[in-house]
Amino acid sequence: MIAPASDELAHITNLQIYVGVVDYDHMDRAGSIIAHTSALQGLDLEFREMGIYEDEEYCDGAVRIMEDMFYARTKPGQAMRLKSLRITSMCLLLVSEVLTTVLELKDLKHLQLVRCKDIDPFLRRLEPFGLNLSSLCIEDLDQEDWTDYAIVDFIRSLGPLKRLTLRFNNMEGFDQDALLSHKSSLESLRIEDDPMEEQPIEHAFRYAPNLEQLALSGFYLEDGWLPDDQDPFCDTPDLLVSVGSSYSN
């Protein structure tokens, strides 16, 4: 209940803020802490659920929460330069401008979006940066259909990834060729789709020479896809392929 003194926060590099209920005192304390974490490099924003504000739609509520929480950094030149960002249970439809004003993300190395809704505008805003992410994780995405291919275009815009996790339903519109530019750099790849909507695993997933961990779920395998003695996957220490069946043409 007592905010730390400013000198106690000067060397904090990683901070997690959990928002379980919207309370002005809580937002003031969070804002005070954020304002004094001058060395912050990693930020984890976790919402109990998207509909925190009961009196307004949760996409509008996300904007209000961010403005309340980052009130000291909404002016030009006050943005925090982050290396790692994780956001859980937030609607990103309307909050992209605020996030990219209070956060400097051009040097971002790790991005995780978990149980978020309408992430396309945020990814579109990040796309021109050509980020050199080391890891990208998008899990439990609330997206009914692929009306905007922002995820595909965003992955294509990135420098070589080492770790990639994609876990959401309805990946039918996902272009697996978006992974081609990352094959030589990937060390860990996890892709999960709805097992009721099985898709073939394309060649874009194959021949990743540095791959150490592989987890695939909700796909089916065509004959000849599984590794043989000449396939680089034979050297993959951790291999998990969870599929419905093998498939023959």
Protein backbone atom coordinates (compact mmCIF):
# COMPACT_ATOMS: atom_id res chain seq x y z
CA MET A 1 0.00 0.00 0.00
CA ILE A 2 3.05 2.27 0.27
CA ALA A 3 4.82 3.13 -2.96
CA PRO A 4 8.60 2.55 -2.89
CA ALA A 5 10.86 5.56 -2.72
CA SER A 6 12.27 6.64 -6.08
CA ASP A 7 15.83 5.56 -5.22
CA GLU A 8 14.57 2.02 -4.52
CA LEU A 9 13.45 1.69 -8.16
CA ALA A 10 16.43 3.17 -9.97
CA HIS A 11 17.99 -0.20 -10.79
CA ILE A 12 14.82 -2.19 -11.57
CA THR A 13 15.16 -3.71 -15.04
CA ASN A 14 12.07 -5.96 -15.17
CA LEU A 15 8.59 -5.15 -13.92
CA GLN A 16 5.28 -7.03 -13.91
CA ILE A 17 2.04 -5.15 -13.34
CA TYR A 18 -1.09 -7.19 -12.68
CA VAL A 19 -4.43 -5.42 -13.10
CA GLY A 20 -7.16 -7.40 -11.34
CA VAL A 21 -9.58 -4.56 -10.86
CA VAL A 22 -9.57 -0.94 -11.95
CA ASP A 23 -8.99 1.37 -9.02
CA TYR A 24 -7.69 4.92 -9.33
CA ASP A 25 -5.38 4.44 -6.33
CA HIS A 26 -3.92 1.33 -7.94
CA MET A 27 -3.39 3.15 -11.24
CA ASP A 28 -1.72 6.05 -9.43
CA ARG A 29 0.66 3.69 -7.63
CA ALA A 30 1.46 1.83 -10.83
CA GLY A 31 2.07 5.14 -12.61
CA SER A 32 4.35 6.31 -9.81
CA ILE A 33 6.40 3.10 -9.97
CA ILE A 34 6.68 3.25 -13.76
CA ALA A 35 7.74 6.90 -13.60
CA HIS A 36 10.73 6.03 -11.39
CA THR A 37 11.98 2.87 -13.16
CA SER A 38 14.51 4.66 -15.32
CA ALA A 39 16.49 1.46 -16.04
CA LEU A 40 13.46 -0.63 -17.07
CA GLN A 41 14.06 -3.01 -19.99
CA GLY A 42 11.33 -5.62 -19.57
CA LEU A 43 7.63 -4.96 -18.96
CA ASP A 44 4.87 -7.51 -18.34
CA LEU A 45 1.31 -6.13 -18.34
CA GLU A 46 -1.21 -8.73 -17.22
CA PHE A 47 -4.94 -8.10 -17.01
CA ARG A 48 -7.21 -10.48 -15.14
CA GLU A 49 -9.60 -10.15 -18.05
CA MET A 50 -10.22 -7.75 -20.90
CA GLY A 51 -13.47 -6.34 -19.48
CA ILE A 52 -11.96 -4.56 -16.48
CA TYR A 53 -13.99 -1.37 -16.86
CA GLU A 54 -17.65 -2.22 -16.33
CA ASP A 55 -18.91 1.13 -17.61
CA GLU A 56 -17.34 1.02 -21.08
CA GLU A 57 -16.37 -1.35 -23.88
CA TYR A 58 -13.10 -3.11 -23.07
CA CYS A 59 -11.23 -1.82 -26.13
CA ASP A 60 -11.89 1.74 -24.94
CA GLY A 61 -11.07 0.67 -21.39
CA ALA A 62 -7.60 -0.48 -22.43
CA VAL A 63 -6.82 3.02 -23.71
CA ARG A 64 -7.99 4.58 -20.47
CA ILE A 65 -5.94 2.19 -18.35
CA MET A 66 -2.77 2.85 -20.34
CA GLU A 67 -3.26 6.60 -20.17
CA ASP A 68 -3.83 6.42 -16.41
CA MET A 69 -0.89 4.11 -15.84
CA PHE A 70 1.62 5.93 -18.06
CA TYR A 71 0.50 9.50 -17.35
CA ALA A 72 4.11 10.56 -16.70
CA ARG A 73 5.32 9.25 -20.06
CA THR A 74 2.72 10.46 -22.53
CA LYS A 75 4.85 13.41 -23.68
CA PRO A 76 7.36 13.16 -26.56
CA GLY A 77 10.78 12.05 -25.38
CA GLN A 78 9.45 10.28 -22.27
CA ALA A 79 8.99 6.80 -23.77
CA MET A 80 10.58 3.79 -22.06
CA ARG A 81 13.07 1.93 -24.25
CA LEU A 82 12.18 -1.75 -23.82
CA LYS A 83 13.92 -4.97 -24.79
CA SER A 84 11.05 -7.24 -23.69
CA LEU A 85 7.26 -6.76 -23.70
CA ARG A 86 4.55 -9.19 -22.64
CA ILE A 87 0.84 -8.27 -22.72
CA THR A 88 -1.86 -10.59 -21.40
CA SER A 89 -5.65 -10.22 -21.85
CA MET A 90 -5.81 -6.80 -23.48
CA CYS A 91 -7.79 -5.54 -26.46
CA LEU A 92 -5.27 -3.83 -28.76
CA LEU A 93 -7.74 -2.44 -31.27
CA LEU A 94 -7.56 1.18 -30.06
CA VAL A 95 -4.54 1.28 -27.78
CA SER A 96 -1.73 0.97 -30.35
CA GLU A 97 -1.00 4.70 -30.56
CA VAL A 98 -0.78 5.04 -26.78
CA LEU A 99 1.48 1.99 -26.44
CA THR A 100 3.91 3.19 -29.10
CA THR A 101 3.94 6.67 -27.53
CA VAL A 102 4.78 5.60 -23.97
CA LEU A 103 6.98 2.66 -25.04
CA GLU A 104 10.01 2.84 -27.31
CA LEU A 105 9.92 -0.52 -29.09
CA LYS A 106 12.44 -0.15 -31.92
CA ASP A 107 15.04 -2.14 -29.96
CA LEU A 108 12.59 -4.82 -28.82
CA LYS A 109 14.01 -8.35 -28.64
CA HIS A 110 11.15 -10.32 -27.11
CA LEU A 111 7.42 -9.86 -27.74
CA GLN A 112 4.60 -11.95 -26.24
CA LEU A 113 0.89 -11.37 -26.79
CA VAL A 114 -1.25 -13.80 -24.78
CA ARG A 115 -5.07 -13.97 -24.79
CA CYS A 116 -5.24 -10.60 -26.52
CA LYS A 117 -7.95 -9.38 -28.88
CA ASP A 118 -7.67 -7.47 -32.16
CA ILE A 119 -3.88 -7.35 -32.27
CA ASP A 120 -3.67 -6.43 -35.98
CA PRO A 121 -3.50 -2.61 -35.54
CA PHE A 122 -0.65 -2.99 -33.03
CA LEU A 123 1.34 -5.29 -35.32
CA ARG A 124 0.74 -2.96 -38.28
CA ARG A 125 2.18 -0.12 -36.23
CA LEU A 126 5.27 -2.17 -35.37
CA GLU A 127 5.80 -3.55 -38.87
CA PRO A 128 7.67 -0.50 -40.34
CA PHE A 129 10.29 -0.78 -37.59
CA GLY A 130 11.65 -4.02 -39.09
CA LEU A 131 12.27 -5.33 -35.59
CA ASN A 132 15.15 -7.70 -34.87
CA LEU A 133 13.26 -9.88 -32.42
CA SER A 134 14.92 -12.90 -30.89
CA SER A 135 11.58 -14.40 -29.84
CA LEU A 136 7.91 -13.93 -30.75
CA CYS A 137 4.96 -15.56 -28.98
CA ILE A 138 1.29 -15.14 -29.92
CA GLU A 139 -1.00 -17.41 -27.89
CA ASP A 140 -4.76 -17.87 -27.49
CA LEU A 141 -5.51 -15.07 -29.93
CA ASP A 142 -9.11 -13.86 -30.00
CA GLN A 143 -9.60 -13.63 -33.76
CA GLU A 144 -12.54 -15.11 -35.59
CA ASP A 145 -11.28 -14.86 -39.16
CA TRP A 146 -8.36 -13.70 -41.27
CA THR A 147 -9.68 -10.43 -42.62
CA ASP A 148 -6.27 -8.81 -42.06
CA TYR A 149 -3.02 -10.72 -42.58
CA ALA A 150 -1.10 -8.57 -40.10
CA ILE A 151 0.48 -11.56 -38.32
CA VAL A 152 1.85 -12.94 -41.58
CA ASP A 153 3.15 -9.56 -42.74
CA PHE A 154 4.63 -8.83 -39.31
CA ILE A 155 6.56 -12.13 -39.25
CA ARG A 156 7.87 -11.36 -42.73
CA SER A 157 9.02 -7.91 -41.61
CA LEU A 158 11.16 -9.28 -38.77
CA GLY A 159 14.83 -10.05 -38.72
CA PRO A 160 15.81 -13.71 -38.20
CA LEU A 161 13.92 -15.23 -35.26
CA LYS A 162 15.36 -17.77 -32.84
CA ARG A 163 12.13 -18.70 -31.05
CA LEU A 164 8.60 -18.62 -32.47
CA THR A 165 5.35 -19.72 -30.80
CA LEU A 166 1.98 -19.43 -32.55
CA ARG A 167 -0.98 -20.94 -30.75
CA PHE A 168 -4.50 -20.08 -31.82
CA ASN A 169 -7.49 -21.50 -33.63
CA ASN A 170 -8.29 -21.06 -37.30
CA MET A 171 -4.81 -20.93 -38.80
CA GLU A 172 -6.19 -21.85 -42.20
CA GLY A 173 -5.38 -18.37 -43.46
CA PHE A 174 -1.83 -18.43 -42.13
CA ASP A 175 0.73 -18.49 -44.94
CA GLN A 176 3.40 -20.95 -43.86
CA ASP A 177 5.80 -19.42 -46.37
CA ALA A 178 6.12 -16.48 -43.96
CA LEU A 179 8.50 -18.71 -42.01
CA LEU A 180 10.92 -19.24 -44.89
CA SER A 181 13.15 -16.29 -44.01
CA HIS A 182 13.54 -17.60 -40.45
CA LYS A 183 14.36 -21.25 -41.17
CA SER A 184 18.11 -20.88 -40.87
CA SER A 185 17.92 -19.03 -37.54
CA LEU A 186 15.08 -20.86 -35.72
CA GLU A 187 16.12 -22.84 -32.66
CA SER A 188 12.64 -23.37 -31.20
CA LEU A 189 9.37 -23.61 -33.15
CA ARG A 190 5.95 -24.27 -31.65
CA ILE A 191 2.79 -24.02 -33.74
CA GLU A 192 -0.59 -25.23 -32.54
CA ASP A 193 -3.88 -25.10 -34.41
CA ASP A 194 -7.35 -26.36 -33.60
CA PRO A 195 -7.04 -30.18 -33.92
CA MET A 196 -10.53 -30.25 -35.41
CA GLU A 197 -9.25 -28.23 -38.38
CA GLU A 198 -6.25 -30.29 -39.41
CA GLN A 199 -4.04 -28.88 -42.14
CA PRO A 200 -1.07 -30.31 -43.99
CA ILE A 201 2.37 -29.33 -42.79
CA GLU A 202 4.09 -27.60 -45.66
CA HIS A 203 7.76 -27.65 -46.56
CA ALA A 204 8.17 -24.23 -44.94
CA PHE A 205 8.53 -26.08 -41.62
CA ARG A 206 11.30 -28.34 -42.86
CA TYR A 207 15.07 -28.16 -43.15
CA ALA A 208 15.78 -25.75 -40.31
CA PRO A 209 19.45 -26.59 -39.64
CA ASN A 210 19.64 -25.01 -36.14
CA LEU A 211 16.30 -26.26 -34.82
CA GLU A 212 16.56 -27.75 -31.31
CA GLN A 213 12.90 -27.81 -30.26
CA LEU A 214 9.86 -28.52 -32.41
CA ALA A 215 6.22 -28.82 -31.35
CA LEU A 216 3.40 -29.04 -33.90
CA SER A 217 -0.24 -29.74 -33.12
CA GLY A 218 -3.38 -29.76 -35.25
CA PHE A 219 -1.68 -30.74 -38.50
CA TYR A 220 -1.42 -33.91 -40.54
CA LEU A 221 1.70 -35.28 -42.15
CA GLU A 222 2.02 -36.22 -45.80
CA ASP A 223 4.03 -39.30 -46.74
CA GLY A 224 7.73 -38.55 -46.81
CA TRP A 225 7.50 -35.60 -44.41
CA LEU A 226 8.80 -37.38 -41.31
CA PRO A 227 12.57 -37.39 -40.90
CA ASP A 228 14.85 -40.06 -42.29
CA ASP A 229 18.57 -40.53 -41.79
CA GLN A 230 19.36 -37.68 -44.17
CA ASP A 231 16.91 -35.18 -42.68
CA PRO A 232 18.29 -32.42 -40.42
CA PHE A 233 15.42 -33.05 -37.98
CA CYS A 234 17.22 -36.24 -36.97
CA ASP A 235 19.56 -34.02 -34.95
CA THR A 236 16.72 -32.19 -33.19
CA PRO A 237 17.01 -33.04 -29.45
CA ASP A 238 13.42 -32.16 -28.52
CA LEU A 239 10.90 -33.18 -31.17
CA LEU A 240 7.16 -33.27 -30.49
CA VAL A 241 4.75 -33.70 -33.37
CA SER A 242 1.17 -34.03 -32.15
CA VAL A 243 -1.04 -34.76 -35.15
CA GLY A 244 -4.22 -36.59 -35.97
CA SER A 245 -2.87 -38.93 -38.61
CA SER A 246 -0.37 -39.49 -41.35
CA TYR A 247 -1.74 -38.72 -44.78
CA SER A 248 -1.05 -40.20 -48.18
CA ASN A 249 -1.77 -38.43 -51.47
